[in-house]
Amino acid sequence: MIVDRYILRQITLPSLAAFFSLNLLFVVVQLLKVAEVAVGVGMGVGDLVGLTVYFLPGFAVFTIPISVLCGVLLGFGRLTGDGELVAFASAGISNLRLSHMPFLLGLVAVALSFVTAAWLAPWSTTALHRAFVDLSKRHVAYSLRPGRFFEEIPGVVLYPRAAAAGQDAFDGFMMYDRRPGRTRHLLVARRARVGPGRGGNFLALELQDGQVHVRDKPRRLYSLASFASGEIGIDIERVIYDRTRFISPTERLGLSGLAAAARDERLSQRERRVHLAAWHRRFAFPLAGLLFALLGCALGTSGRLPGRRRTLLASVIIVAGYYLSMRAGDAMSTKGWPVLLAAWMPDMLVGALAIGLMWYRARRPG
């Protein structure tokens, strides 16, 4: 029991350190990407904290298993460097006994990862998408500059002539809509206010004292209408898509949503296979925590990874191999390979390696 507590302490502390370090790194990288959209839209500390909270569950699905691997390797690497593994062997404590606590830590990682992957991550990713949609609309409204043409919305040209009193208000405003499939029209107003729409992918445009010029070229018609005030919504779906495409739609679906999409006959076969593979991954990723723990234990008890450099290098190689096999599985599933095999291939490879090393160590303990 004393040995188990000692081993647990040696692998838990570096696992927690790796977990916080990896999540901090990923959050900083993502917030740097957000900065391009967030500049000048009035984001406060509360907004940044909210985005950080939304990012974390999606990262935790990956960082929990990786942290366990790093913790086990670092813990046993320190024991090797201090000669404690040799002392354990001299006292008759086998490598199998030393693997009890890494196995327990791996089971805890499986439980935490599964809860995160199945429920927390889809919820947080959906909330993150809504936050980025709102952020993108606010950014477009902020990007309007008096005396400059704004053409980031495909097929639409906006021109605010001069700033007016009030937030996002302009004196003199023009909008020219030449999007395909729509009647071309030119809208001019003496005063306008632009802001995020209350719902959907729309930008709200409040207008006063203006005119609408409509040209129907096929019918050779030209219409002119005046108005005292009005409000329209400008569809900026393409702009929002460009700024939120890093958030995969499948990541916003829970287990039931993925299963339903995998059976939806309205989707293409490729799309159904992608959703089915994503459903399997919600179980495969958590299991990687246990497999990484066993693999780390097998490598750590070999006594060949003393020092942090070798330990971290081994962690990078294992994680990179898992990631590459995952990408290979994605390619296989889209090319007609069995989805079950493609989705679980990374876990099968890591599991086979862990079991093989542990079997080899059991036969040759020296």
Protein backbone atom coordinates (compact mmCIF):
# COMPACT_ATOMS: atom_id res chain seq x y z
CA MET A 1 0.00 0.00 0.00
CA ILE A 2 2.83 2.38 0.83
CA VAL A 3 4.48 1.62 -2.50
CA ASP A 4 1.20 2.23 -4.34
CA ARG A 5 0.70 5.61 -2.68
CA TYR A 6 4.28 6.56 -3.45
CA ILE A 7 3.96 5.59 -7.14
CA LEU A 8 0.62 7.39 -7.40
CA ARG A 9 2.14 10.58 -6.03
CA GLN A 10 5.09 10.34 -8.43
CA ILE A 11 2.89 10.07 -11.53
CA THR A 12 -0.09 12.25 -10.50
CA LEU A 13 1.78 15.49 -9.87
CA PRO A 14 3.55 15.56 -13.27
CA SER A 15 0.26 14.52 -14.94
CA LEU A 16 -1.51 17.52 -13.43
CA ALA A 17 1.38 19.80 -14.37
CA ALA A 18 1.28 18.52 -17.96
CA PHE A 19 -2.52 18.93 -18.09
CA PHE A 20 -2.44 22.58 -16.99
CA SER A 21 0.57 23.38 -19.20
CA LEU A 22 -0.93 21.85 -22.34
CA ASN A 23 -4.30 23.52 -21.83
CA LEU A 24 -2.66 26.86 -21.16
CA LEU A 25 -0.62 26.53 -24.35
CA PHE A 26 -3.63 25.63 -26.48
CA VAL A 27 -5.78 28.39 -24.99
CA VAL A 28 -3.11 31.03 -25.62
CA VAL A 29 -2.74 29.90 -29.25
CA GLN A 30 -6.50 30.07 -29.81
CA LEU A 31 -6.87 33.45 -28.11
CA LEU A 32 -4.16 34.82 -30.40
CA LYS A 33 -6.30 33.73 -33.32
CA VAL A 34 -9.33 35.37 -31.73
CA ALA A 35 -7.43 38.62 -31.35
CA GLU A 36 -7.68 39.30 -35.09
CA VAL A 37 -11.48 39.29 -34.87
CA ALA A 38 -11.75 40.75 -31.38
CA VAL A 39 -9.68 43.90 -31.85
CA GLY A 40 -11.83 46.95 -31.28
CA VAL A 41 -15.17 45.23 -30.68
CA GLY A 42 -15.18 46.01 -26.99
CA MET A 43 -14.23 42.62 -25.63
CA GLY A 44 -13.64 42.72 -21.90
CA VAL A 45 -12.03 40.39 -19.42
CA GLY A 46 -15.34 38.61 -18.95
CA ASP A 47 -15.57 37.85 -22.68
CA LEU A 48 -12.06 36.42 -22.74
CA VAL A 49 -12.78 34.30 -19.67
CA GLY A 50 -15.95 33.03 -21.34
CA LEU A 51 -14.09 32.05 -24.51
CA THR A 52 -11.43 30.31 -22.41
CA VAL A 53 -14.11 28.29 -20.60
CA TYR A 54 -15.66 27.30 -23.94
CA PHE A 55 -12.28 26.24 -25.36
CA LEU A 56 -11.20 24.05 -22.42
CA PRO A 57 -13.55 21.02 -22.73
CA GLY A 58 -12.61 20.53 -26.38
CA PHE A 59 -8.93 20.63 -25.49
CA ALA A 60 -9.39 18.38 -22.44
CA VAL A 61 -10.56 15.49 -24.62
CA PHE A 62 -7.02 15.36 -26.02
CA THR A 63 -4.96 16.74 -23.16
CA ILE A 64 -6.22 14.32 -20.49
CA PRO A 65 -4.78 11.19 -22.20
CA ILE A 66 -1.59 13.03 -23.21
CA SER A 67 -1.12 14.32 -19.67
CA VAL A 68 -1.39 10.80 -18.27
CA LEU A 69 1.27 9.60 -20.70
CA CYS A 70 3.60 12.48 -19.77
CA GLY A 71 2.97 11.99 -16.05
CA VAL A 72 3.67 8.25 -16.09
CA LEU A 73 6.82 8.67 -18.18
CA LEU A 74 8.11 11.57 -16.09
CA GLY A 75 7.32 9.80 -12.83
CA PHE A 76 9.07 6.57 -13.77
CA GLY A 77 11.87 8.53 -15.42
CA ARG A 78 12.61 10.20 -12.09
CA LEU A 79 12.46 6.85 -10.30
CA THR A 80 14.92 5.45 -12.82
CA GLY A 81 17.27 8.40 -12.49
CA ASP A 82 17.32 8.09 -8.69
CA GLY A 83 17.87 4.33 -8.83
CA GLU A 84 14.58 3.60 -7.08
CA LEU A 85 13.41 1.09 -9.69
CA VAL A 86 16.50 -0.98 -8.96
CA ALA A 87 15.70 -0.77 -5.25
CA PHE A 88 12.13 -1.92 -5.89
CA ALA A 89 13.39 -4.87 -7.94
CA SER A 90 15.86 -5.79 -5.19
CA ALA A 91 12.99 -5.79 -2.68
CA GLY A 92 11.06 -8.24 -4.86
CA ILE A 93 8.52 -5.72 -6.16
CA SER A 94 7.69 -6.69 -9.74
CA ASN A 95 6.93 -4.38 -12.64
CA LEU A 96 3.38 -5.75 -12.63
CA ARG A 97 2.94 -4.45 -9.08
CA LEU A 98 4.30 -1.07 -10.12
CA SER A 99 1.70 -0.83 -12.89
CA HIS A 100 -1.27 -0.84 -10.48
CA MET A 101 -1.36 2.92 -9.95
CA PRO A 102 -0.75 3.87 -13.61
CA PHE A 103 -3.64 1.54 -14.46
CA LEU A 104 -5.85 3.26 -11.87
CA LEU A 105 -4.84 6.70 -13.15
CA GLY A 106 -5.65 5.55 -16.68
CA LEU A 107 -9.14 4.47 -15.60
CA VAL A 108 -9.75 7.88 -14.02
CA ALA A 109 -8.58 9.50 -17.25
CA VAL A 110 -10.99 7.32 -19.26
CA ALA A 111 -13.94 8.39 -17.09
CA LEU A 112 -13.06 12.10 -17.22
CA SER A 113 -12.36 12.03 -20.95
CA PHE A 114 -15.59 10.22 -21.75
CA VAL A 115 -17.74 12.66 -19.78
CA THR A 116 -15.93 15.53 -21.48
CA ALA A 117 -16.13 14.07 -24.99
CA ALA A 118 -19.74 12.91 -24.75
CA TRP A 119 -21.37 15.92 -23.06
CA LEU A 120 -19.13 18.83 -22.05
CA ALA A 121 -17.24 19.26 -25.33
CA PRO A 122 -20.35 19.37 -27.61
CA TRP A 123 -22.04 21.86 -25.27
CA SER A 124 -18.98 24.11 -25.03
CA THR A 125 -18.30 23.91 -28.79
CA THR A 126 -21.88 24.95 -29.54
CA ALA A 127 -21.56 27.87 -27.11
CA LEU A 128 -18.19 28.75 -28.66
CA HIS A 129 -19.73 28.82 -32.13
CA ARG A 130 -22.50 31.16 -30.96
CA ALA A 131 -19.91 33.42 -29.34
CA PHE A 132 -17.88 33.57 -32.55
CA VAL A 133 -20.96 34.28 -34.65
CA ASP A 134 -21.77 37.25 -32.42
CA LEU A 135 -18.12 38.30 -32.40
CA SER A 136 -17.95 38.16 -36.20
CA LYS A 137 -21.07 40.32 -36.56
CA ARG A 138 -19.68 42.86 -34.11
CA HIS A 139 -16.36 42.86 -35.98
CA VAL A 140 -18.03 43.55 -39.34
CA ALA A 141 -20.01 46.43 -37.81
CA TYR A 142 -16.83 47.83 -36.25
CA SER A 143 -14.88 47.51 -39.52
CA LEU A 144 -17.07 50.08 -41.29
CA ARG A 145 -15.03 53.29 -41.66
CA PRO A 146 -16.43 56.64 -42.83
CA GLY A 147 -15.35 57.45 -46.37
CA ARG A 148 -14.22 53.87 -47.16
CA PHE A 149 -15.88 51.13 -49.19
CA PHE A 150 -16.43 47.88 -47.31
CA GLU A 151 -16.41 44.82 -49.62
CA GLU A 152 -15.73 41.87 -47.30
CA ILE A 153 -19.30 40.61 -47.72
CA PRO A 154 -19.31 38.75 -51.09
CA GLY A 155 -21.51 40.57 -53.61
CA VAL A 156 -22.27 43.50 -51.29
CA VAL A 157 -20.67 46.94 -51.10
CA LEU A 158 -21.22 49.20 -48.09
CA TYR A 159 -20.20 52.84 -47.92
CA PRO A 160 -20.72 55.03 -44.83
CA ARG A 161 -20.04 58.66 -45.78
CA ALA A 162 -19.43 60.24 -42.37
CA ALA A 163 -19.67 59.36 -38.70
CA ALA A 164 -22.68 60.58 -36.76
CA ALA A 165 -23.47 61.05 -33.09
CA GLY A 166 -24.18 57.71 -31.47
CA GLN A 167 -22.58 54.29 -31.54
CA ASP A 168 -22.19 52.73 -35.02
CA ALA A 169 -24.18 55.59 -36.57
CA PHE A 170 -23.41 57.30 -39.88
CA ASP A 171 -24.59 60.35 -41.83
CA GLY A 172 -25.02 59.25 -45.40
CA PHE A 173 -24.99 55.53 -46.19
CA MET A 174 -25.00 53.43 -49.35
CA MET A 175 -25.46 49.71 -49.93
CA TYR A 176 -25.16 48.02 -53.31
CA ASP A 177 -26.31 44.39 -53.47
CA ARG A 178 -25.21 42.44 -56.57
CA ARG A 179 -25.29 38.91 -55.16
CA PRO A 180 -26.18 36.13 -57.65
CA GLY A 181 -29.80 35.04 -57.64
CA ARG A 182 -31.00 38.35 -56.22
CA THR A 183 -32.41 41.46 -57.86
CA ARG A 184 -29.69 44.08 -57.94
CA HIS A 185 -30.52 47.13 -55.91
CA LEU A 186 -28.89 50.27 -54.62
CA LEU A 187 -29.93 51.65 -51.25
CA VAL A 188 -29.06 55.13 -50.02
CA ALA A 189 -30.06 56.78 -46.76
CA ARG A 190 -29.44 60.08 -45.03
CA ARG A 191 -28.74 58.36 -41.73
CA ALA A 192 -27.94 54.77 -40.75
CA ARG A 193 -27.04 52.66 -37.76
CA VAL A 194 -25.30 49.29 -38.15
CA GLY A 195 -25.08 46.58 -35.52
CA PRO A 196 -25.24 42.81 -34.94
CA GLY A 197 -28.57 41.19 -35.75
CA ARG A 198 -30.49 39.61 -32.90
CA GLY A 199 -30.52 36.18 -34.50
CA GLY A 200 -29.11 34.23 -37.41
CA ASN A 201 -26.24 35.36 -39.60
CA PHE A 202 -27.53 38.87 -40.14
CA LEU A 203 -26.23 42.38 -39.68
CA ALA A 204 -28.96 44.81 -38.60
CA LEU A 205 -29.19 48.01 -40.63
CA GLU A 206 -31.49 50.80 -39.34
CA LEU A 207 -32.13 53.47 -41.98
CA GLN A 208 -33.78 56.89 -42.05
CA ASP A 209 -34.86 59.10 -44.96
CA GLY A 210 -33.66 56.99 -47.88
CA GLN A 211 -34.34 55.54 -51.32
CA VAL A 212 -34.15 52.10 -52.89
CA HIS A 213 -33.19 51.78 -56.56
CA VAL A 214 -34.06 48.37 -58.03
CA ARG A 215 -33.02 47.22 -61.49
CA ASP A 216 -34.55 44.11 -63.04
CA LYS A 217 -32.26 43.61 -66.02
CA PRO A 218 -34.02 40.62 -67.65
CA ARG A 219 -37.33 42.52 -67.66
CA ARG A 220 -35.71 45.87 -68.38
CA LEU A 221 -37.45 47.43 -65.39
CA TYR A 222 -36.18 50.10 -63.05
CA SER A 223 -37.98 50.95 -59.81
CA LEU A 224 -37.49 53.69 -57.26
CA ALA A 225 -39.01 53.79 -53.79
CA SER A 226 -38.57 56.25 -50.94
CA PHE A 227 -38.95 55.57 -47.23
CA ALA A 228 -38.86 57.55 -43.99
CA SER A 229 -37.41 54.79 -41.83
CA GLY A 230 -36.83 51.09 -42.00
CA GLU A 231 -34.74 48.16 -40.87
CA ILE A 232 -33.22 45.38 -42.97
CA GLY A 233 -30.90 42.46 -42.31
CA ILE A 234 -27.76 41.91 -44.35
CA ASP A 235 -26.90 38.23 -44.73
CA ILE A 236 -23.21 37.79 -43.82
CA GLU A 237 -23.25 33.99 -43.66
CA ARG A 238 -20.13 33.67 -45.79
CA VAL A 239 -18.14 36.03 -43.56
CA ILE A 240 -19.24 34.13 -40.46
CA TYR A 241 -18.40 30.79 -42.08
CA ASP A 242 -14.88 31.96 -42.91
CA ARG A 243 -14.30 32.99 -39.29
CA THR A 244 -15.90 29.96 -37.65
CA ARG A 245 -14.85 27.16 -40.01
CA PHE A 246 -12.23 25.98 -37.51
CA ILE A 247 -15.19 24.77 -35.43
CA SER A 248 -16.33 21.53 -37.05
CA PRO A 249 -20.11 20.99 -37.20
CA THR A 250 -19.63 17.40 -36.01
CA GLU A 251 -17.94 18.67 -32.84
CA ARG A 252 -21.16 20.48 -31.91
CA LEU A 253 -23.20 17.27 -32.01
CA GLY A 254 -23.67 14.95 -29.05
CA LEU A 255 -23.67 11.17 -29.28
CA SER A 256 -27.35 11.00 -30.24
CA GLY A 257 -26.89 13.74 -32.85
CA LEU A 258 -23.93 11.94 -34.43
CA ALA A 259 -25.81 8.64 -34.48
CA ALA A 260 -28.83 10.29 -36.12
CA ALA A 261 -26.65 12.01 -38.73
CA ALA A 262 -24.91 8.70 -39.50
CA ARG A 263 -28.33 7.21 -40.36
CA ASP A 264 -29.70 10.24 -42.21
CA GLU A 265 -30.38 9.18 -45.80
CA ARG A 266 -30.50 12.82 -46.91
CA LEU A 267 -26.76 13.11 -46.34
CA SER A 268 -24.18 11.73 -48.73
CA GLN A 269 -22.50 8.45 -47.94
CA ARG A 270 -19.25 10.25 -47.19
CA GLU A 271 -20.97 12.60 -44.71
CA ARG A 272 -22.66 9.68 -42.97
CA ARG A 273 -19.33 7.88 -42.64
CA VAL A 274 -17.71 11.01 -41.21
CA HIS A 275 -20.42 11.28 -38.54
CA LEU A 276 -20.18 7.56 -37.75
CA ALA A 277 -16.40 7.84 -37.37
CA ALA A 278 -16.86 10.86 -35.08
CA TRP A 279 -19.30 8.82 -32.96
CA HIS A 280 -16.71 6.06 -32.52
CA ARG A 281 -14.03 8.63 -31.69
CA ARG A 282 -16.08 9.84 -28.72
CA PHE A 283 -15.28 6.43 -27.18
CA ALA A 284 -11.84 5.87 -28.71
CA PHE A 285 -10.27 9.09 -27.42
CA PRO A 286 -11.13 8.42 -23.76
CA LEU A 287 -9.79 4.86 -23.96
CA ALA A 288 -6.47 6.30 -25.12
CA GLY A 289 -5.93 7.57 -21.55
CA LEU A 290 -5.74 4.00 -20.23
CA LEU A 291 -3.65 2.78 -23.15
CA PHE A 292 -1.21 5.66 -22.78
CA ALA A 293 -0.91 4.92 -19.06
CA LEU A 294 -0.05 1.26 -19.77
CA LEU A 295 2.37 2.18 -22.53
CA GLY A 296 4.04 4.78 -20.33
CA CYS A 297 4.35 2.23 -17.54
CA ALA A 298 5.89 -0.33 -19.90
CA LEU A 299 8.42 2.21 -21.19
CA GLY A 300 9.06 3.74 -17.76
CA THR A 301 9.80 0.48 -15.99
CA SER A 302 12.27 -0.50 -18.69
CA GLY A 303 14.73 1.94 -17.12
CA ARG A 304 15.79 3.27 -20.52
CA LEU A 305 14.20 6.72 -20.26
CA PRO A 306 16.10 8.53 -17.50
CA GLY A 307 15.97 12.32 -17.65
CA ARG A 308 13.26 14.68 -18.81
CA ARG A 309 14.57 15.18 -22.32
CA ARG A 310 14.27 11.53 -23.29
CA THR A 311 10.95 11.27 -21.51
CA LEU A 312 9.45 14.28 -23.28
CA LEU A 313 10.88 13.11 -26.61
CA ALA A 314 9.24 9.71 -26.11
CA SER A 315 5.94 11.46 -25.29
CA VAL A 316 6.12 13.58 -28.44
CA ILE A 317 6.88 10.55 -30.62
CA ILE A 318 3.99 8.53 -29.16
CA VAL A 319 1.48 11.38 -29.44
CA ALA A 320 2.64 12.19 -32.99
CA GLY A 321 2.27 8.53 -33.96
CA TYR A 322 -1.23 8.42 -32.48
CA TYR A 323 -2.20 11.62 -34.33
CA LEU A 324 -0.80 10.39 -37.66
CA SER A 325 -2.60 7.06 -37.33
CA MET A 326 -5.79 8.99 -36.53
CA ARG A 327 -5.43 11.06 -39.70
CA ALA A 328 -4.70 7.88 -41.66
CA GLY A 329 -7.88 6.37 -40.20
CA ASP A 330 -9.87 9.42 -41.37
CA ALA A 331 -8.54 8.93 -44.89
CA MET A 332 -9.30 5.21 -44.78
CA SER A 333 -12.89 5.75 -43.63
CA THR A 334 -13.62 8.14 -46.50
CA LYS A 335 -12.17 5.69 -49.03
CA GLY A 336 -14.44 2.81 -48.15
CA TRP A 337 -12.56 1.08 -45.35
CA PRO A 338 -14.67 -0.16 -42.41
CA VAL A 339 -15.39 2.84 -40.19
CA LEU A 340 -15.00 0.74 -37.04
CA LEU A 341 -11.46 -0.27 -38.01
CA ALA A 342 -10.47 3.23 -39.14
CA ALA A 343 -11.78 4.95 -35.98
CA TRP A 344 -10.23 2.49 -33.53
CA MET A 345 -6.94 1.92 -35.38
CA PRO A 346 -4.90 4.40 -33.26
CA ASP A 347 -6.06 2.75 -30.03
CA MET A 348 -5.38 -0.71 -31.40
CA LEU A 349 -1.83 0.25 -32.36
CA VAL A 350 -1.07 1.86 -28.97
CA GLY A 351 -2.70 -1.05 -27.14
CA ALA A 352 -0.76 -3.64 -29.12
CA LEU A 353 2.49 -1.78 -28.45
CA ALA A 354 1.75 -1.48 -24.71
CA ILE A 355 0.79 -5.15 -24.34
CA GLY A 356 3.78 -6.25 -26.41
CA LEU A 357 6.23 -4.24 -24.30
CA MET A 358 4.70 -5.43 -21.03
CA TRP A 359 4.84 -9.05 -22.21
CA TYR A 360 8.45 -8.60 -23.27
CA ARG A 361 9.33 -7.04 -19.92
CA ALA A 362 7.62 -9.87 -18.06
CA ARG A 363 9.70 -12.43 -19.92
CA ARG A 364 12.93 -10.47 -19.56
CA PRO A 365 12.68 -8.48 -16.35
CA GLY A 366 16.35 -7.62 -16.41
